[in-house]
PDB file of N, CA and C in Angstrom:
ATOM      1  N   UNK A   1     -11.488 187.410 -31.823  1.00  0.00           N
ATOM      2  CA  UNK A   1     -11.322 188.906 -32.383  1.00  0.00           C
ATOM      3  C   UNK A   1      -9.885 188.634 -32.834  1.00  0.00           C
ATOM      4  N   UNK A   2      -9.049 187.760 -32.542  1.00  0.00           N
ATOM      5  CA  UNK A   2      -7.495 187.914 -33.080  1.00  0.00           C
ATOM      6  C   UNK A   2      -7.720 187.294 -34.393  1.00  0.00           C
ATOM      7  N   UNK A   3      -8.412 186.176 -34.794  1.00  0.00           N
ATOM      8  CA  UNK A   3      -8.675 185.663 -35.971  1.00  0.00           C
ATOM      9  C   UNK A   3      -9.266 186.885 -37.037  1.00  0.00           C
ATOM     10  N   UNK A   4      -9.902 187.598 -36.679  1.00  0.00           N
ATOM     11  CA  UNK A   4     -10.619 188.526 -37.646  1.00  0.00           C
ATOM     12  C   UNK A   4      -9.587 189.662 -37.926  1.00  0.00           C
ATOM     13  N   UNK A   5      -8.738 189.979 -37.061  1.00  0.00           N
ATOM     14  CA  UNK A   5      -7.962 191.264 -37.230  1.00  0.00           C
ATOM     15  C   UNK A   5      -6.828 190.876 -38.308  1.00  0.00           C
ATOM     16  N   UNK A   6      -6.279 189.886 -38.543  1.00  0.00           N
ATOM     17  CA  UNK A   6      -5.407 189.629 -39.787  1.00  0.00           C
ATOM     18  C   UNK A   6      -6.184 189.631 -41.198  1.00  0.00           C
ATOM     19  N   UNK A   7      -7.450 188.974 -41.112  1.00  0.00           N
ATOM     20  CA  UNK A   7      -8.433 188.958 -42.230  1.00  0.00           C
ATOM     21  C   UNK A   7      -8.658 190.358 -42.642  1.00  0.00           C
ATOM     22  N   UNK A   8      -9.013 191.195 -41.496  1.00  0.00           N
ATOM     23  CA  UNK A   8      -9.305 192.556 -41.858  1.00  0.00           C
ATOM     24  C   UNK A   8      -8.254 193.468 -42.499  1.00  0.00           C
ATOM     25  N   UNK A   9      -6.967 192.851 -42.438  1.00  0.00           N
ATOM     26  CA  UNK A   9      -5.965 193.537 -43.065  1.00  0.00           C
ATOM     27  C   UNK A   9      -5.510 193.235 -44.514  1.00  0.00           C
ATOM     28  N   UNK A  10      -5.961 192.000 -44.829  1.00  0.00           N
ATOM     29  CA  UNK A  10      -6.113 191.696 -46.109  1.00  0.00           C
ATOM     30  C   UNK A  10      -7.187 192.385 -46.768  1.00  0.00           C
ATOM     31  N   UNK A  11      -8.300 192.531 -46.299  1.00  0.00           N
ATOM     32  CA  UNK A  11      -9.507 193.225 -46.842  1.00  0.00           C
ATOM     33  C   UNK A  11      -9.039 194.480 -46.905  1.00  0.00           C
ATOM     34  N   UNK A  12      -8.226 195.255 -46.098  1.00  0.00           N
ATOM     35  CA  UNK A  12      -8.011 196.673 -46.370  1.00  0.00           C
ATOM     36  C   UNK A  12      -7.194 196.850 -47.290  1.00  0.00           C
ATOM     37  N   UNK A  13      -6.067 195.918 -47.528  1.00  0.00           N
ATOM     38  CA  UNK A  13      -5.333 195.728 -48.815  1.00  0.00           C
ATOM     39  C   UNK A  13      -6.032 196.036 -50.125  1.00  0.00           C
ATOM     40  N   UNK A  14      -7.190 194.892 -50.225  1.00  0.00           N
ATOM     41  CA  UNK A  14      -7.942 194.692 -51.123  1.00  0.00           C
ATOM     42  C   UNK A  14      -8.649 195.968 -51.550  1.00  0.00           C
ATOM     43  N   UNK A  15      -9.214 196.717 -50.390  1.00  0.00           N
ATOM     44  CA  UNK A  15     -10.075 198.020 -50.652  1.00  0.00           C
ATOM     45  C   UNK A  15      -8.966 199.076 -51.328  1.00  0.00           C
ATOM     46  N   UNK A  16      -7.783 199.078 -50.621  1.00  0.00           N
ATOM     47  CA  UNK A  16      -6.937 199.979 -51.006  1.00  0.00           C
ATOM     48  C   UNK A  16      -6.440 199.882 -52.668  1.00  0.00           C
ATOM     49  N   UNK A  17      -6.439 198.726 -52.845  1.00  0.00           N
ATOM     50  CA  UNK A  17      -6.188 198.465 -54.449  1.00  0.00           C
ATOM     51  C   UNK A  17      -7.278 198.832 -55.257  1.00  0.00           C
ATOM     52  N   UNK A  18      -8.335 198.399 -54.897  1.00  0.00           N
ATOM     53  CA  UNK A  18      -9.653 198.997 -55.644  1.00  0.00           C
ATOM     54  C   UNK A  18      -9.766 200.170 -55.798  1.00  0.00           C
ATOM     55  N   UNK A  19      -9.615 201.186 -54.506  1.00  0.00           N
ATOM     56  CA  UNK A  19      -9.615 202.643 -54.642  1.00  0.00           C
ATOM     57  C   UNK A  19      -8.505 203.177 -55.925  1.00  0.00           C
ATOM     58  N   UNK A  20      -7.477 202.652 -56.072  1.00  0.00           N
ATOM     59  CA  UNK A  20      -6.724 203.185 -57.293  1.00  0.00           C
ATOM     60  C   UNK A  20      -7.270 202.524 -58.514  1.00  0.00           C
ATOM     61  N   UNK A  21      -8.289 201.545 -58.672  1.00  0.00           N
ATOM     62  CA  UNK A  21      -8.365 201.110 -60.065  1.00  0.00           C
ATOM     63  C   UNK A  21     -10.218 201.129 -60.277  1.00  0.00           C
ATOM     64  N   UNK A  22     -10.884 202.059 -59.469  1.00  0.00           N
ATOM     65  CA  UNK A  22     -12.246 201.820 -59.718  1.00  0.00           C
ATOM     66  C   UNK A  22     -12.841 202.425 -60.750  1.00  0.00           C
ATOM     67  N   UNK A  23     -11.950 203.364 -61.466  1.00  0.00           N
ATOM     68  CA  UNK A  23     -12.399 203.976 -62.654  1.00  0.00           C
ATOM     69  C   UNK A  23     -12.363 202.728 -63.757  1.00  0.00           C
ATOM     70  N   UNK A  24     -11.166 201.983 -63.860  1.00  0.00           N
ATOM     71  CA  UNK A  24     -11.404 200.916 -64.873  1.00  0.00           C
ATOM     72  C   UNK A  24     -12.449 200.198 -64.665  1.00  0.00           C
ATOM     73  N   UNK A  25     -12.814 199.729 -63.480  1.00  0.00           N
ATOM     74  CA  UNK A  25     -13.988 198.924 -63.029  1.00  0.00           C
ATOM     75  C   UNK A  25     -15.122 199.247 -63.671  1.00  0.00           C
ATOM     76  N   UNK A  26     -15.505 200.563 -63.479  1.00  0.00           N
ATOM     77  CA  UNK A  26     -16.757 201.225 -63.784  1.00  0.00           C
ATOM     78  C   UNK A  26     -16.841 201.159 -65.634  1.00  0.00           C
ATOM     79  N   UNK A  27     -15.753 201.412 -66.025  1.00  0.00           N
ATOM     80  CA  UNK A  27     -15.663 201.273 -67.478  1.00  0.00           C
ATOM     81  C   UNK A  27     -15.824 199.609 -67.995  1.00  0.00           C
ATOM     82  N   UNK A  28     -15.197 198.755 -67.382  1.00  0.00           N
ATOM     83  CA  UNK A  28     -15.484 197.414 -67.459  1.00  0.00           C
ATOM     84  C   UNK A  28     -16.702 196.882 -67.347  1.00  0.00           C
ATOM     85  N   UNK A  29     -17.609 197.433 -66.162  1.00  0.00           N
ATOM     86  CA  UNK A  29     -18.729 196.590 -65.652  1.00  0.00           C
ATOM     87  C   UNK A  29     -19.967 197.343 -66.167  1.00  0.00           C
ATOM     88  N   UNK A  30     -19.834 198.579 -66.498  1.00  0.00           N
ATOM     89  CA  UNK A  30     -20.684 199.611 -66.916  1.00  0.00           C
ATOM     90  C   UNK A  30     -20.773 199.994 -68.396  1.00  0.00           C
ATOM     91  N   UNK A  31     -19.881 200.780 -68.755  1.00  0.00           N
ATOM     92  CA  UNK A  31     -19.864 201.356 -70.044  1.00  0.00           C
ATOM     93  C   UNK A  31     -19.619 200.244 -70.957  1.00  0.00           C
ATOM     94  N   UNK A  32     -18.614 199.418 -71.242  1.00  0.00           N
ATOM     95  CA  UNK A  32     -18.361 198.523 -72.052  1.00  0.00           C
ATOM     96  C   UNK A  32     -19.522 197.796 -72.692  1.00  0.00           C
ATOM     97  N   UNK A  33     -20.439 197.260 -71.449  1.00  0.00           N
ATOM     98  CA  UNK A  33     -21.490 196.170 -72.080  1.00  0.00           C
ATOM     99  C   UNK A  33     -22.522 197.321 -72.904  1.00  0.00           C
ATOM    100  N   UNK A  34     -22.780 198.483 -72.271  1.00  0.00           N
ATOM    101  CA  UNK A  34     -23.564 199.432 -73.146  1.00  0.00           C
ATOM    102  C   UNK A  34     -23.126 199.823 -74.457  1.00  0.00           C
ATOM    103  N   UNK A  35     -21.977 200.073 -74.629  1.00  0.00           N
ATOM    104  CA  UNK A  35     -21.382 200.197 -75.710  1.00  0.00           C
ATOM    105  C   UNK A  35     -21.378 199.205 -76.843  1.00  0.00           C
ATOM    106  N   UNK A  36     -21.001 198.001 -76.377  1.00  0.00           N
ATOM    107  CA  UNK A  36     -20.921 196.708 -77.035  1.00  0.00           C
ATOM    108  C   UNK A  36     -22.632 196.469 -77.503  1.00  0.00           C
ATOM    109  N   UNK A  37     -23.432 196.777 -76.464  1.00  0.00           N
ATOM    110  CA  UNK A  37     -24.939 196.454 -76.972  1.00  0.00           C
ATOM    111  C   UNK A  37     -25.328 197.342 -77.963  1.00  0.00           C
ATOM    112  N   UNK A  38     -25.026 198.447 -77.729  1.00  0.00           N
ATOM    113  CA  UNK A  38     -25.327 199.664 -78.916  1.00  0.00           C
ATOM    114  C   UNK A  38     -24.486 199.356 -80.197  1.00  0.00           C
ATOM    115  N   UNK A  39     -23.485 199.109 -80.276  1.00  0.00           N
ATOM    116  CA  UNK A  39     -22.770 198.662 -81.403  1.00  0.00           C
ATOM    117  C   UNK A  39     -23.386 197.477 -82.334  1.00  0.00           C
ATOM    118  N   UNK A  40     -23.528 196.355 -81.463  1.00  0.00           N
ATOM    119  CA  UNK A  40     -23.992 195.169 -81.974  1.00  0.00           C
ATOM    120  C   UNK A  40     -25.463 195.283 -82.161  1.00  0.00           C
ATOM    121  N   UNK A  41     -26.107 195.848 -81.500  1.00  0.00           N
ATOM    122  CA  UNK A  41     -27.771 195.910 -81.489  1.00  0.00           C
ATOM    123  C   UNK A  41     -28.061 196.962 -82.536  1.00  0.00           C
ATOM    124  N   UNK A  42     -27.551 198.091 -82.394  1.00  0.00           N
ATOM    125  CA  UNK A  42     -27.894 199.132 -83.270  1.00  0.00           C
ATOM    126  C   UNK A  42     -27.316 199.084 -84.668  1.00  0.00           C
ATOM    127  N   UNK A  43     -25.907 198.978 -84.490  1.00  0.00           N
ATOM    128  CA  UNK A  43     -25.094 199.081 -85.689  1.00  0.00           C
ATOM    129  C   UNK A  43     -25.194 197.875 -86.671  1.00  0.00           C
ATOM    130  N   UNK A  44     -24.960 196.779 -86.042  1.00  0.00           N
ATOM    131  CA  UNK A  44     -24.963 195.539 -87.017  1.00  0.00           C
ATOM    132  C   UNK A  44     -26.641 195.295 -87.119  1.00  0.00           C
ATOM    133  N   UNK A  45     -27.163 195.465 -86.202  1.00  0.00           N
ATOM    134  CA  UNK A  45     -28.656 195.126 -86.373  1.00  0.00           C
ATOM    135  C   UNK A  45     -29.524 195.870 -87.594  1.00  0.00           C
ATOM    136  N   UNK A  46     -28.851 197.037 -87.602  1.00  0.00           N
ATOM    137  CA  UNK A  46     -29.405 197.981 -88.803  1.00  0.00           C
ATOM    138  C   UNK A  46     -29.155 197.313 -90.170  1.00  0.00           C
ATOM    139  N   UNK A  47     -27.752 196.757 -90.289  1.00  0.00           N
ATOM    140  CA  UNK A  47     -27.344 196.086 -91.194  1.00  0.00           C
ATOM    141  C   UNK A  47     -27.799 194.588 -91.521  1.00  0.00           C
ATOM    142  N   UNK A  48     -27.941 194.030 -90.589  1.00  0.00           N
ATOM    143  CA  UNK A  48     -28.459 192.697 -90.865  1.00  0.00           C
ATOM    144  C   UNK A  48     -29.992 192.737 -91.081  1.00  0.00           C
ATOM    145  N   UNK A  49     -30.821 193.680 -90.286  1.00  0.00           N
ATOM    146  CA  UNK A  49     -32.285 193.543 -90.664  1.00  0.00           C
ATOM    147  C   UNK A  49     -32.608 194.340 -92.120  1.00  0.00           C
ATOM    148  N   UNK A  50     -31.672 194.736 -92.476  1.00  0.00           N
ATOM    149  CA  UNK A  50     -31.682 195.515 -93.679  1.00  0.00           C
ATOM    150  C   UNK A  50     -33.311 195.926 -94.312  1.00  0.00           C
ATOM    151  N   UNK A  51     -33.853 196.832 -93.235  1.00  0.00           N
ATOM    152  CA  UNK A  51     -35.236 197.366 -93.602  1.00  0.00           C
ATOM    153  C   UNK A  51     -36.200 196.637 -93.006  1.00  0.00           C
ATOM    154  N   UNK A  52     -36.045 195.316 -92.777  1.00  0.00           N
ATOM    155  CA  UNK A  52     -37.300 194.736 -92.010  1.00  0.00           C
ATOM    156  C   UNK A  52     -37.208 195.030 -90.699  1.00  0.00           C
ATOM    157  N   UNK A  53     -36.371 194.847 -89.927  1.00  0.00           N
ATOM    158  CA  UNK A  53     -36.393 195.277 -88.441  1.00  0.00           C
ATOM    159  C   UNK A  53     -36.429 194.248 -87.412  1.00  0.00           C
ATOM    160  N   UNK A  54     -36.768 193.184 -87.913  1.00  0.00           N
ATOM    161  CA  UNK A  54     -37.174 192.199 -87.057  1.00  0.00           C
ATOM    162  C   UNK A  54     -36.631 190.518 -87.276  1.00  0.00           C
ATOM    163  N   UNK A  55     -36.473 189.870 -86.654  1.00  0.00           N
ATOM    164  CA  UNK A  55     -35.896 188.330 -86.648  1.00  0.00           C
ATOM    165  C   UNK A  55     -36.887 187.531 -86.133  1.00  0.00           C
ATOM    166  N   UNK A  56     -37.638 186.870 -86.919  1.00  0.00           N
ATOM    167  CA  UNK A  56     -38.725 185.902 -86.298  1.00  0.00           C
ATOM    168  C   UNK A  56     -39.561 186.528 -85.531  1.00  0.00           C
ATOM    169  N   UNK A  57     -40.318 187.949 -85.968  1.00  0.00           N
ATOM    170  CA  UNK A  57     -41.335 188.556 -85.379  1.00  0.00           C
ATOM    171  C   UNK A  57     -40.723 189.383 -84.213  1.00  0.00           C
ATOM    172  N   UNK A  58     -39.527 189.318 -83.773  1.00  0.00           N
ATOM    173  CA  UNK A  58     -39.002 190.207 -82.799  1.00  0.00           C
ATOM    174  C   UNK A  58     -38.026 191.100 -83.046  1.00  0.00           C
ATOM    175  N   UNK A  59     -37.771 192.426 -82.492  1.00  0.00           N
ATOM    176  CA  UNK A  59     -37.054 193.066 -83.122  1.00  0.00           C
ATOM    177  C   UNK A  59     -35.408 192.624 -82.833  1.00  0.00           C
ATOM    178  N   UNK A  60     -34.638 193.064 -83.811  1.00  0.00           N
ATOM    179  CA  UNK A  60     -33.191 192.519 -83.614  1.00  0.00           C
ATOM    180  C   UNK A  60     -32.296 192.799 -82.111  1.00  0.00           C
ATOM    181  N   UNK A  61     -32.848 194.211 -81.628  1.00  0.00           N
ATOM    182  CA  UNK A  61     -32.390 194.674 -80.269  1.00  0.00           C
ATOM    183  C   UNK A  61     -32.930 193.923 -79.388  1.00  0.00           C
ATOM    184  N   UNK A  62     -34.273 193.484 -79.224  1.00  0.00           N
ATOM    185  CA  UNK A  62     -34.602 192.616 -78.165  1.00  0.00           C
ATOM    186  C   UNK A  62     -34.204 190.996 -78.463  1.00  0.00           C
ATOM    187  N   UNK A  63     -34.083 190.662 -79.534  1.00  0.00           N
ATOM    188  CA  UNK A  63     -33.268 189.311 -79.758  1.00  0.00           C
ATOM    189  C   UNK A  63     -32.079 189.249 -79.306  1.00  0.00           C
ATOM    190  N   UNK A  64     -31.014 190.400 -79.304  1.00  0.00           N
ATOM    191  CA  UNK A  64     -29.480 190.306 -79.143  1.00  0.00           C
ATOM    192  C   UNK A  64     -29.486 190.661 -78.068  1.00  0.00           C
ATOM    193  N   UNK A  65     -30.330 191.652 -77.220  1.00  0.00           N
ATOM    194  CA  UNK A  65     -29.776 192.054 -75.712  1.00  0.00           C
ATOM    195  C   UNK A  65     -29.711 191.402 -74.715  1.00  0.00           C
ATOM    196  N   UNK A  66     -30.566 190.091 -74.512  1.00  0.00           N
ATOM    197  CA  UNK A  66     -30.187 189.485 -73.570  1.00  0.00           C
ATOM    198  C   UNK A  66     -29.168 188.516 -73.499  1.00  0.00           C
ATOM    199  N   UNK A  67     -28.797 187.919 -74.800  1.00  0.00           N
ATOM    200  CA  UNK A  67     -27.695 187.345 -75.093  1.00  0.00           C
ATOM    201  C   UNK A  67     -26.290 188.060 -74.885  1.00  0.00           C
ATOM    202  N   UNK A  68     -26.390 189.289 -75.107  1.00  0.00           N
ATOM    203  CA  UNK A  68     -25.178 190.061 -74.912  1.00  0.00           C
ATOM    204  C   UNK A  68     -25.006 190.291 -73.617  1.00  0.00           C
ATOM    205  N   UNK A  69     -25.951 190.659 -72.842  1.00  0.00           N
ATOM    206  CA  UNK A  69     -25.598 191.020 -71.385  1.00  0.00           C
ATOM    207  C   UNK A  69     -25.219 189.765 -70.751  1.00  0.00           C
ATOM    208  N   UNK A  70     -25.983 188.531 -70.814  1.00  0.00           N
ATOM    209  CA  UNK A  70     -25.565 187.427 -70.393  1.00  0.00           C
ATOM    210  C   UNK A  70     -24.175 187.019 -70.582  1.00  0.00           C
ATOM    211  N   UNK A  71     -23.569 187.230 -71.806  1.00  0.00           N
ATOM    212  CA  UNK A  71     -22.176 187.011 -72.333  1.00  0.00           C
ATOM    213  C   UNK A  71     -21.390 187.941 -71.476  1.00  0.00           C
ATOM    214  N   UNK A  72     -21.738 189.236 -71.419  1.00  0.00           N
ATOM    215  CA  UNK A  72     -20.739 190.130 -70.887  1.00  0.00           C
ATOM    216  C   UNK A  72     -20.794 189.620 -69.134  1.00  0.00           C
ATOM    217  N   UNK A  73     -21.888 189.315 -68.638  1.00  0.00           N
ATOM    218  CA  UNK A  73     -21.631 189.029 -67.113  1.00  0.00           C
ATOM    219  C   UNK A  73     -20.767 187.707 -66.953  1.00  0.00           C
ATOM    220  N   UNK A  74     -20.908 186.809 -67.905  1.00  0.00           N
ATOM    221  CA  UNK A  74     -20.011 185.442 -67.782  1.00  0.00           C
ATOM    222  C   UNK A  74     -18.772 185.739 -68.129  1.00  0.00           C
ATOM    223  N   UNK A  75     -18.130 186.682 -68.974  1.00  0.00           N
ATOM    224  CA  UNK A  75     -16.857 187.088 -69.288  1.00  0.00           C
ATOM    225  C   UNK A  75     -16.434 187.883 -68.156  1.00  0.00           C
ATOM    226  N   UNK A  76     -17.237 188.796 -67.546  1.00  0.00           N
ATOM    227  CA  UNK A  76     -16.709 189.488 -66.546  1.00  0.00           C
ATOM    228  C   UNK A  76     -16.556 188.693 -65.235  1.00  0.00           C
ATOM    229  N   UNK A  77     -17.371 187.872 -65.146  1.00  0.00           N
ATOM    230  CA  UNK A  77     -17.226 186.760 -63.773  1.00  0.00           C
ATOM    231  C   UNK A  77     -15.984 185.984 -63.920  1.00  0.00           C
ATOM    232  N   UNK A  78     -15.722 185.435 -65.267  1.00  0.00           N
ATOM    233  CA  UNK A  78     -14.536 184.488 -65.576  1.00  0.00           C
ATOM    234  C   UNK A  78     -13.416 185.514 -65.312  1.00  0.00           C
ATOM    235  N   UNK A  79     -13.298 186.794 -65.915  1.00  0.00           N
ATOM    236  CA  UNK A  79     -12.367 187.460 -65.714  1.00  0.00           C
ATOM    237  C   UNK A  79     -11.819 188.016 -64.218  1.00  0.00           C
ATOM    238  N   UNK A  80     -13.021 188.049 -63.464  1.00  0.00           N
ATOM    239  CA  UNK A  80     -12.624 188.571 -62.173  1.00  0.00           C
ATOM    240  C   UNK A  80     -12.101 187.636 -61.207  1.00  0.00           C
ATOM    241  N   UNK A  81     -12.397 186.148 -61.648  1.00  0.00           N
ATOM    242  CA  UNK A  81     -12.198 185.220 -60.571  1.00  0.00           C
ATOM    243  C   UNK A  81     -10.761 184.373 -61.336  1.00  0.00           C
ATOM    244  N   UNK A  82     -10.521 184.922 -62.395  1.00  0.00           N
ATOM    245  CA  UNK A  82      -9.222 184.173 -62.979  1.00  0.00           C
ATOM    246  C   UNK A  82      -7.815 184.934 -62.862  1.00  0.00           C
ATOM    247  N   UNK A  83      -7.927 186.014 -63.462  1.00  0.00           N
ATOM    248  CA  UNK A  83      -6.988 186.881 -63.613  1.00  0.00           C
ATOM    249  C   UNK A  83      -6.080 187.443 -62.399  1.00  0.00           C
ATOM    250  N   UNK A  84      -7.038 188.049 -61.252  1.00  0.00           N
ATOM    251  CA  UNK A  84      -6.527 188.567 -60.027  1.00  0.00           C
ATOM    252  C   UNK A  84      -5.902 187.453 -59.411  1.00  0.00           C
ATOM    253  N   UNK A  85      -6.452 186.181 -59.373  1.00  0.00           N
ATOM    254  CA  UNK A  85      -5.868 185.118 -58.381  1.00  0.00           C
ATOM    255  C   UNK A  85      -4.317 184.731 -59.156  1.00  0.00           C
ATOM    256  N   UNK A  86      -4.499 184.390 -60.546  1.00  0.00           N
ATOM    257  CA  UNK A  86      -3.254 184.463 -61.281  1.00  0.00           C
ATOM    258  C   UNK A  86      -2.075 185.296 -61.009  1.00  0.00           C
ATOM    259  N   UNK A  87      -2.455 186.562 -61.166  1.00  0.00           N
ATOM    260  CA  UNK A  87      -1.838 187.710 -60.666  1.00  0.00           C
ATOM    261  C   UNK A  87      -1.111 187.561 -59.465  1.00  0.00           C
ATOM    262  N   UNK A  88      -1.914 187.589 -58.545  1.00  0.00           N
ATOM    263  CA  UNK A  88      -1.445 187.344 -57.015  1.00  0.00           C
ATOM    264  C   UNK A  88      -0.496 185.992 -56.967  1.00  0.00           C
ATOM    265  N   UNK A  89      -0.654 185.054 -57.500  1.00  0.00           N
ATOM    266  CA  UNK A  89       0.154 183.718 -57.319  1.00  0.00           C
ATOM    267  C   UNK A  89       1.586 183.816 -58.239  1.00  0.00           C
ATOM    268  N   UNK A  90       1.340 184.140 -59.311  1.00  0.00           N
ATOM    269  CA  UNK A  90       2.546 184.157 -60.169  1.00  0.00           C
ATOM    270  C   UNK A  90       3.261 185.530 -60.325  1.00  0.00           C
ATOM    271  N   UNK A  91       2.591 186.613 -60.859  1.00  0.00           N
ATOM    272  CA  UNK A  91       3.316 187.589 -61.396  1.00  0.00           C
ATOM    273  C   UNK A  91       3.736 188.559 -60.164  1.00  0.00           C
ATOM    274  N   UNK A  92       2.725 189.000 -59.320  1.00  0.00           N
ATOM    275  CA  UNK A  92       3.133 189.982 -58.196  1.00  0.00           C
ATOM    276  C   UNK A  92       3.468 189.314 -57.066  1.00  0.00           C
ATOM    277  N   UNK A  93       3.150 187.902 -56.961  1.00  0.00           N
ATOM    278  CA  UNK A  93       3.450 187.446 -55.705  1.00  0.00           C
ATOM    279  C   UNK A  93       3.159 187.605 -54.378  1.00  0.00           C
ATOM    280  N   UNK A  94       1.687 188.331 -54.349  1.00  0.00           N
ATOM    281  CA  UNK A  94       1.294 188.811 -53.055  1.00  0.00           C
ATOM    282  C   UNK A  94       0.878 187.797 -52.129  1.00  0.00           C
ATOM    283  N   UNK A  95       0.322 186.700 -52.591  1.00  0.00           N
ATOM    284  CA  UNK A  95      -0.062 185.900 -51.703  1.00  0.00           C
ATOM    285  C   UNK A  95       1.376 185.000 -50.831  1.00  0.00           C
ATOM    286  N   UNK A  96       2.335 184.853 -51.709  1.00  0.00           N
ATOM    287  CA  UNK A  96       3.659 184.494 -51.113  1.00  0.00           C
ATOM    288  C   UNK A  96       4.232 185.603 -49.934  1.00  0.00           C
ATOM    289  N   UNK A  97       3.906 186.759 -50.294  1.00  0.00           N
ATOM    290  CA  UNK A  97       4.439 187.814 -49.411  1.00  0.00           C
ATOM    291  C   UNK A  97       3.427 187.964 -48.220  1.00  0.00           C
ATOM    292  N   UNK A  98       2.061 187.770 -48.444  1.00  0.00           N
ATOM    293  CA  UNK A  98       1.282 187.668 -47.247  1.00  0.00           C
ATOM    294  C   UNK A  98       1.789 186.762 -46.527  1.00  0.00           C
ATOM    295  N   UNK A  99       1.909 185.357 -46.851  1.00  0.00           N
ATOM    296  CA  UNK A  99       2.127 184.104 -46.164  1.00  0.00           C
ATOM    297  C   UNK A  99       3.718 184.352 -45.497  1.00  0.00           C
ATOM    298  N   UNK A 100       4.440 185.113 -45.906  1.00  0.00           N
ATOM    299  CA  UNK A 100       5.756 185.510 -45.107  1.00  0.00           C
ATOM    300  C   UNK A 100       5.384 186.589 -43.965  1.00  0.00           C
ATOM    301  N   UNK A 101       4.272 186.986 -43.651  1.00  0.00           N
ATOM    302  CA  UNK A 101       3.945 187.874 -42.540  1.00  0.00           C
ATOM    303  C   UNK A 101       3.297 187.031 -41.270  1.00  0.00           C
ATOM    304  N   UNK A 102       2.860 187.405 -40.497  1.00  0.00           N
ATOM    305  CA  UNK A 102       1.919 186.713 -39.503  1.00  0.00           C
ATOM    306  C   UNK A 102       0.805 186.130 -39.948  1.00  0.00           C
ATOM    307  N   UNK A 103       0.340 186.350 -41.073  1.00  0.00           N
ATOM    308  CA  UNK A 103      -0.935 186.021 -41.501  1.00  0.00           C
ATOM    309  C   UNK A 103      -1.002 184.475 -41.771  1.00  0.00           C
ATOM    310  N   UNK A 104      -2.021 183.915 -41.746  1.00  0.00           N
ATOM    311  CA  UNK A 104      -2.073 182.514 -41.728  1.00  0.00           C
ATOM    312  C   UNK A 104      -2.843 182.158 -43.247  1.00  0.00           C
ATOM    313  N   UNK A 105      -2.707 180.914 -43.486  1.00  0.00           N
ATOM    314  CA  UNK A 105      -3.486 180.594 -44.836  1.00  0.00           C
ATOM    315  C   UNK A 105      -4.896 180.965 -44.894  1.00  0.00           C
ATOM    316  N   UNK A 106      -5.949 180.665 -43.728  1.00  0.00           N
ATOM    317  CA  UNK A 106      -6.957 181.173 -43.711  1.00  0.00           C
ATOM    318  C   UNK A 106      -7.431 182.526 -43.718  1.00  0.00           C
ATOM    319  N   UNK A 107      -6.491 183.245 -43.151  1.00  0.00           N
ATOM    320  CA  UNK A 107      -6.571 184.835 -43.364  1.00  0.00           C
ATOM    321  C   UNK A 107      -6.507 185.232 -44.666  1.00  0.00           C
ATOM    322  N   UNK A 108      -5.694 184.610 -45.571  1.00  0.00           N
ATOM    323  CA  UNK A 108      -5.251 185.138 -46.852  1.00  0.00           C
ATOM    324  C   UNK A 108      -6.657 184.847 -47.655  1.00  0.00           C
TER     325      UNK A 108
END
């Protein structure tokens, strides 16, 4: 139980931080892909198809949607795994501050 308690403090910090920024996370993860898909699929698709409405027998929206959703998922995953770590290491130095407390490396 003594090893779990410090790790829970780190999880509590992460939860409190997320409570402050959940609205931007919703925008990034939900609304942004939908807007991008509608802009590229409907807006650009209407211009590219120029009345035909399909690419190789498949509608432009059906052709483009899977690729856009996968690309968005990959970009979001890359951003979620690189920027917060870089921020905590270099700019805000949260990891350094955590290691100056009784927390151990495994807790962080």
